[in-house]
Amino acid sequence: MTELAYETMVHEGLPRQREQRLPDGSAIVSSPVTSTLIYGAHDAVLVDPPFTRDQV
């Protein structure tokens, strides 16, 4: 049986392209995304991949 390993990556939230602002005037930012890479000797699976190229 092959051993599995994993790595967890947290991608920062991205500013949304909207004119709306938060009550303090700052830009609205999306929630951070956490991705988990589970891998073995020959295969891997990425769980909850990032949404944009900037997050990758």
PDB file of N, CA and C in Angstrom:
ATOM      1  N   MET A   1       0.848  -1.192   0.000  1.00  0.00           N
ATOM      2  CA  MET A   1       0.000   0.000   0.000  1.00  0.00           C
ATOM      3  C   MET A   1       0.884   1.243   0.000  1.00  0.00           C
ATOM      4  N   THR A   2       0.522   2.207  -0.813  1.00  0.00           N
ATOM      5  CA  THR A   2       1.284   3.446  -0.932  1.00  0.00           C
ATOM      6  C   THR A   2       0.915   4.415   0.185  1.00  0.00           C
ATOM      7  N   GLU A   3       1.926   5.068   0.740  1.00  0.00           N
ATOM      8  CA  GLU A   3       1.652   6.100   1.747  1.00  0.00           C
ATOM      9  C   GLU A   3       1.164   7.361   1.066  1.00  0.00           C
ATOM     10  N   LEU A   4       0.228   8.032   1.698  1.00  0.00           N
ATOM     11  CA  LEU A   4      -0.266   9.302   1.192  1.00  0.00           C
ATOM     12  C   LEU A   4       0.276  10.437   2.042  1.00  0.00           C
ATOM     13  N   ALA A   5       0.445  11.576   1.406  1.00  0.00           N
ATOM     14  CA  ALA A   5       0.877  12.785   2.104  1.00  0.00           C
ATOM     15  C   ALA A   5      -0.046  13.920   1.659  1.00  0.00           C
ATOM     16  N   TYR A   6       0.031  15.048   2.350  1.00  0.00           N
ATOM     17  CA  TYR A   6      -0.807  16.176   1.949  1.00  0.00           C
ATOM     18  C   TYR A   6      -0.113  17.491   2.270  1.00  0.00           C
ATOM     19  N   GLU A   7      -0.503  18.518   1.548  1.00  0.00           N
ATOM     20  CA  GLU A   7      -0.062  19.894   1.799  1.00  0.00           C
ATOM     21  C   GLU A   7      -1.300  20.771   1.731  1.00  0.00           C
ATOM     22  N   THR A   8      -1.375  21.736   2.615  1.00  0.00           N
ATOM     23  CA  THR A   8      -2.490  22.673   2.643  1.00  0.00           C
ATOM     24  C   THR A   8      -1.968  24.061   2.296  1.00  0.00           C
ATOM     25  N   MET A   9      -2.666  24.746   1.389  1.00  0.00           N
ATOM     26  CA  MET A   9      -2.276  26.084   0.955  1.00  0.00           C
ATOM     27  C   MET A   9      -3.452  27.030   1.159  1.00  0.00           C
ATOM     28  N   VAL A  10      -3.188  28.215   1.693  1.00  0.00           N
ATOM     29  CA  VAL A  10      -4.235  29.224   1.884  1.00  0.00           C
ATOM     30  C   VAL A  10      -3.977  30.353   0.897  1.00  0.00           C
ATOM     31  N   HIS A  11      -4.980  30.656   0.083  1.00  0.00           N
ATOM     32  CA  HIS A  11      -4.890  31.713  -0.917  1.00  0.00           C
ATOM     33  C   HIS A  11      -5.663  32.920  -0.396  1.00  0.00           C
ATOM     34  N   GLU A  12      -5.027  34.066  -0.398  1.00  0.00           N
ATOM     35  CA  GLU A  12      -5.662  35.293   0.089  1.00  0.00           C
ATOM     36  C   GLU A  12      -6.915  35.613  -0.717  1.00  0.00           C
ATOM     37  N   GLY A  13      -7.848  36.287  -0.083  1.00  0.00           N
ATOM     38  CA  GLY A  13      -9.033  36.750  -0.791  1.00  0.00           C
ATOM     39  C   GLY A  13      -8.650  37.825  -1.803  1.00  0.00           C
ATOM     40  N   LEU A  14      -9.449  37.970  -2.839  1.00  0.00           N
ATOM     41  CA  LEU A  14      -9.176  38.950  -3.887  1.00  0.00           C
ATOM     42  C   LEU A  14     -10.159  40.113  -3.802  1.00  0.00           C
ATOM     43  N   PRO A  15      -9.677  41.339  -4.061  1.00  0.00           N
ATOM     44  CA  PRO A  15     -10.597  42.481  -4.083  1.00  0.00           C
ATOM     45  C   PRO A  15     -11.633  42.278  -5.192  1.00  0.00           C
ATOM     46  N   ARG A  16     -12.863  42.554  -4.888  1.00  0.00           N
ATOM     47  CA  ARG A  16     -13.919  42.423  -5.889  1.00  0.00           C
ATOM     48  C   ARG A  16     -13.982  43.694  -6.731  1.00  0.00           C
ATOM     49  N   GLN A  17     -14.295  43.530  -7.972  1.00  0.00           N
ATOM     50  CA  GLN A  17     -14.360  44.660  -8.899  1.00  0.00           C
ATOM     51  C   GLN A  17     -15.758  45.281  -8.848  1.00  0.00           C
ATOM     52  N   ARG A  18     -16.021  45.993  -7.764  1.00  0.00           N
ATOM     53  CA  ARG A  18     -17.321  46.644  -7.557  1.00  0.00           C
ATOM     54  C   ARG A  18     -17.105  48.072  -7.078  1.00  0.00           C
ATOM     55  N   GLU A  19     -18.095  48.890  -7.332  1.00  0.00           N
ATOM     56  CA  GLU A  19     -18.042  50.248  -6.806  1.00  0.00           C
ATOM     57  C   GLU A  19     -18.445  50.287  -5.344  1.00  0.00           C
ATOM     58  N   GLN A  20     -19.177  49.260  -4.887  1.00  0.00           N
ATOM     59  CA  GLN A  20     -19.617  49.226  -3.492  1.00  0.00           C
ATOM     60  C   GLN A  20     -18.406  49.116  -2.566  1.00  0.00           C
ATOM     61  N   ARG A  21     -18.537  49.685  -1.374  1.00  0.00           N
ATOM     62  CA  ARG A  21     -17.481  49.654  -0.372  1.00  0.00           C
ATOM     63  C   ARG A  21     -18.050  49.198   0.956  1.00  0.00           C
ATOM     64  N   LEU A  22     -17.172  48.762   1.838  1.00  0.00           N
ATOM     65  CA  LEU A  22     -17.576  48.437   3.202  1.00  0.00           C
ATOM     66  C   LEU A  22     -17.859  49.730   3.950  1.00  0.00           C
ATOM     67  N   PRO A  23     -18.555  49.669   5.079  1.00  0.00           N
ATOM     68  CA  PRO A  23     -18.888  50.896   5.821  1.00  0.00           C
ATOM     69  C   PRO A  23     -17.676  51.765   6.166  1.00  0.00           C
ATOM     70  N   ASP A  24     -16.499  51.140   6.344  1.00  0.00           N
ATOM     71  CA  ASP A  24     -15.310  51.946   6.663  1.00  0.00           C
ATOM     72  C   ASP A  24     -14.619  52.500   5.416  1.00  0.00           C
ATOM     73  N   GLY A  25     -15.187  52.234   4.207  1.00  0.00           N
ATOM     74  CA  GLY A  25     -14.643  52.764   2.964  1.00  0.00           C
ATOM     75  C   GLY A  25     -13.683  51.826   2.253  1.00  0.00           C
ATOM     76  N   SER A  26     -13.307  50.717   2.876  1.00  0.00           N
ATOM     77  CA  SER A  26     -12.363  49.803   2.239  1.00  0.00           C
ATOM     78  C   SER A  26     -13.060  48.934   1.194  1.00  0.00           C
ATOM     79  N   ALA A  27     -12.253  48.378   0.291  1.00  0.00           N
ATOM     80  CA  ALA A  27     -12.784  47.538  -0.784  1.00  0.00           C
ATOM     81  C   ALA A  27     -13.337  46.228  -0.228  1.00  0.00           C
ATOM     82  N   ILE A  28     -14.307  45.666  -0.929  1.00  0.00           N
ATOM     83  CA  ILE A  28     -14.857  44.360  -0.564  1.00  0.00           C
ATOM     84  C   ILE A  28     -13.900  43.291  -1.085  1.00  0.00           C
ATOM     85  N   VAL A  29     -13.506  42.358  -0.220  1.00  0.00           N
ATOM     86  CA  VAL A  29     -12.555  41.302  -0.574  1.00  0.00           C
ATOM     87  C   VAL A  29     -13.243  39.952  -0.389  1.00  0.00           C
ATOM     88  N   SER A  30     -13.006  39.033  -1.337  1.00  0.00           N
ATOM     89  CA  SER A  30     -13.593  37.696  -1.219  1.00  0.00           C
ATOM     90  C   SER A  30     -12.950  36.943  -0.058  1.00  0.00           C
ATOM     91  N   SER A  31     -13.593  35.902   0.379  1.00  0.00           N
ATOM     92  CA  SER A  31     -13.051  35.074   1.462  1.00  0.00           C
ATOM     93  C   SER A  31     -11.811  34.329   0.980  1.00  0.00           C
ATOM     94  N   PRO A  32     -10.857  34.049   1.869  1.00  0.00           N
ATOM     95  CA  PRO A  32      -9.702  33.243   1.478  1.00  0.00           C
ATOM     96  C   PRO A  32     -10.152  31.835   1.069  1.00  0.00           C
ATOM     97  N   VAL A  33      -9.348  31.192   0.245  1.00  0.00           N
ATOM     98  CA  VAL A  33      -9.632  29.835  -0.214  1.00  0.00           C
ATOM     99  C   VAL A  33      -8.511  28.926   0.277  1.00  0.00           C
ATOM    100  N   THR A  34      -8.868  27.805   0.883  1.00  0.00           N
ATOM    101  CA  THR A  34      -7.877  26.823   1.314  1.00  0.00           C
ATOM    102  C   THR A  34      -7.943  25.627   0.380  1.00  0.00           C
ATOM    103  N   SER A  35      -6.800  25.276  -0.207  1.00  0.00           N
ATOM    104  CA  SER A  35      -6.704  24.119  -1.090  1.00  0.00           C
ATOM    105  C   SER A  35      -5.848  23.062  -0.415  1.00  0.00           C
ATOM    106  N   THR A  36      -6.175  21.800  -0.661  1.00  0.00           N
ATOM    107  CA  THR A  36      -5.399  20.696  -0.105  1.00  0.00           C
ATOM    108  C   THR A  36      -4.954  19.791  -1.241  1.00  0.00           C
ATOM    109  N   LEU A  37      -3.659  19.544  -1.317  1.00  0.00           N
ATOM    110  CA  LEU A  37      -3.086  18.617  -2.292  1.00  0.00           C
ATOM    111  C   LEU A  37      -2.797  17.308  -1.573  1.00  0.00           C
ATOM    112  N   ILE A  38      -3.442  16.242  -2.011  1.00  0.00           N
ATOM    113  CA  ILE A  38      -3.227  14.910  -1.440  1.00  0.00           C
ATOM    114  C   ILE A  38      -2.476  14.113  -2.505  1.00  0.00           C
ATOM    115  N   TYR A  39      -1.334  13.529  -2.142  1.00  0.00           N
ATOM    116  CA  TYR A  39      -0.529  12.861  -3.154  1.00  0.00           C
ATOM    117  C   TYR A  39       0.122  11.593  -2.627  1.00  0.00           C
ATOM    118  N   GLY A  40       0.402  10.725  -3.580  1.00  0.00           N
ATOM    119  CA  GLY A  40       1.112   9.485  -3.305  1.00  0.00           C
ATOM    120  C   GLY A  40       2.288   9.383  -4.251  1.00  0.00           C
ATOM    121  N   ALA A  41       2.780   8.186  -4.464  1.00  0.00           N
ATOM    122  CA  ALA A  41       3.952   7.982  -5.313  1.00  0.00           C
ATOM    123  C   ALA A  41       3.660   8.265  -6.786  1.00  0.00           C
ATOM    124  N   HIS A  42       2.412   8.043  -7.235  1.00  0.00           N
ATOM    125  CA  HIS A  42       2.115   8.154  -8.660  1.00  0.00           C
ATOM    126  C   HIS A  42       0.988   9.120  -9.001  1.00  0.00           C
ATOM    127  N   ASP A  43       0.117   9.391  -8.076  1.00  0.00           N
ATOM    128  CA  ASP A  43      -1.061  10.208  -8.373  1.00  0.00           C
ATOM    129  C   ASP A  43      -1.255  11.286  -7.319  1.00  0.00           C
ATOM    130  N   ALA A  44      -2.067  12.281  -7.705  1.00  0.00           N
ATOM    131  CA  ALA A  44      -2.384  13.363  -6.769  1.00  0.00           C
ATOM    132  C   ALA A  44      -3.786  13.879  -7.075  1.00  0.00           C
ATOM    133  N   VAL A  45      -4.402  14.486  -6.072  1.00  0.00           N
ATOM    134  CA  VAL A  45      -5.703  15.133  -6.255  1.00  0.00           C
ATOM    135  C   VAL A  45      -5.659  16.477  -5.524  1.00  0.00           C
ATOM    136  N   LEU A  46      -6.184  17.512  -6.189  1.00  0.00           N
ATOM    137  CA  LEU A  46      -6.243  18.843  -5.597  1.00  0.00           C
ATOM    138  C   LEU A  46      -7.685  19.105  -5.184  1.00  0.00           C
ATOM    139  N   VAL A  47      -7.904  19.338  -3.899  1.00  0.00           N
ATOM    140  CA  VAL A  47      -9.233  19.570  -3.348  1.00  0.00           C
ATOM    141  C   VAL A  47      -9.429  21.074  -3.161  1.00  0.00           C
ATOM    142  N   ASP A  48     -10.551  21.598  -3.637  1.00  0.00           N
ATOM    143  CA  ASP A  48     -10.860  23.036  -3.580  1.00  0.00           C
ATOM    144  C   ASP A  48      -9.770  23.876  -4.233  1.00  0.00           C
ATOM    145  N   PRO A  49      -9.575  23.743  -5.554  1.00  0.00           N
ATOM    146  CA  PRO A  49      -8.529  24.520  -6.232  1.00  0.00           C
ATOM    147  C   PRO A  49      -8.830  26.013  -6.207  1.00  0.00           C
ATOM    148  N   PRO A  50      -7.801  26.850  -6.395  1.00  0.00           N
ATOM    149  CA  PRO A  50      -8.009  28.300  -6.436  1.00  0.00           C
ATOM    150  C   PRO A  50      -8.890  28.686  -7.634  1.00  0.00           C
ATOM    151  N   PHE A  51      -9.483  29.876  -7.548  1.00  0.00           N
ATOM    152  CA  PHE A  51     -10.399  30.333  -8.587  1.00  0.00           C
ATOM    153  C   PHE A  51      -9.715  31.069  -9.732  1.00  0.00           C
ATOM    154  N   THR A  52      -8.622  31.768  -9.445  1.00  0.00           N
ATOM    155  CA  THR A  52      -8.007  32.635 -10.453  1.00  0.00           C
ATOM    156  C   THR A  52      -6.526  32.326 -10.617  1.00  0.00           C
ATOM    157  N   ARG A  53      -5.955  32.807 -11.702  1.00  0.00           N
ATOM    158  CA  ARG A  53      -4.514  32.637 -11.938  1.00  0.00           C
ATOM    159  C   ARG A  53      -3.698  33.357 -10.866  1.00  0.00           C
ATOM    160  N   ASP A  54      -4.179  34.506 -10.388  1.00  0.00           N
ATOM    161  CA  ASP A  54      -3.455  35.249  -9.351  1.00  0.00           C
ATOM    162  C   ASP A  54      -3.319  34.426  -8.076  1.00  0.00           C
ATOM    163  N   GLN A  55      -4.331  33.632  -7.736  1.00  0.00           N
ATOM    164  CA  GLN A  55      -4.275  32.815  -6.529  1.00  0.00           C
ATOM    165  C   GLN A  55      -3.360  31.608  -6.714  1.00  0.00           C
ATOM    166  N   VAL A  56      -3.219  31.143  -7.948  1.00  0.00           N
ATOM    167  CA  VAL A  56      -2.350  29.988  -8.211  1.00  0.00           C
ATOM    168  C   VAL A  56      -0.909  30.415  -8.021  1.00  0.00           C
TER     169      VAL A  56
END
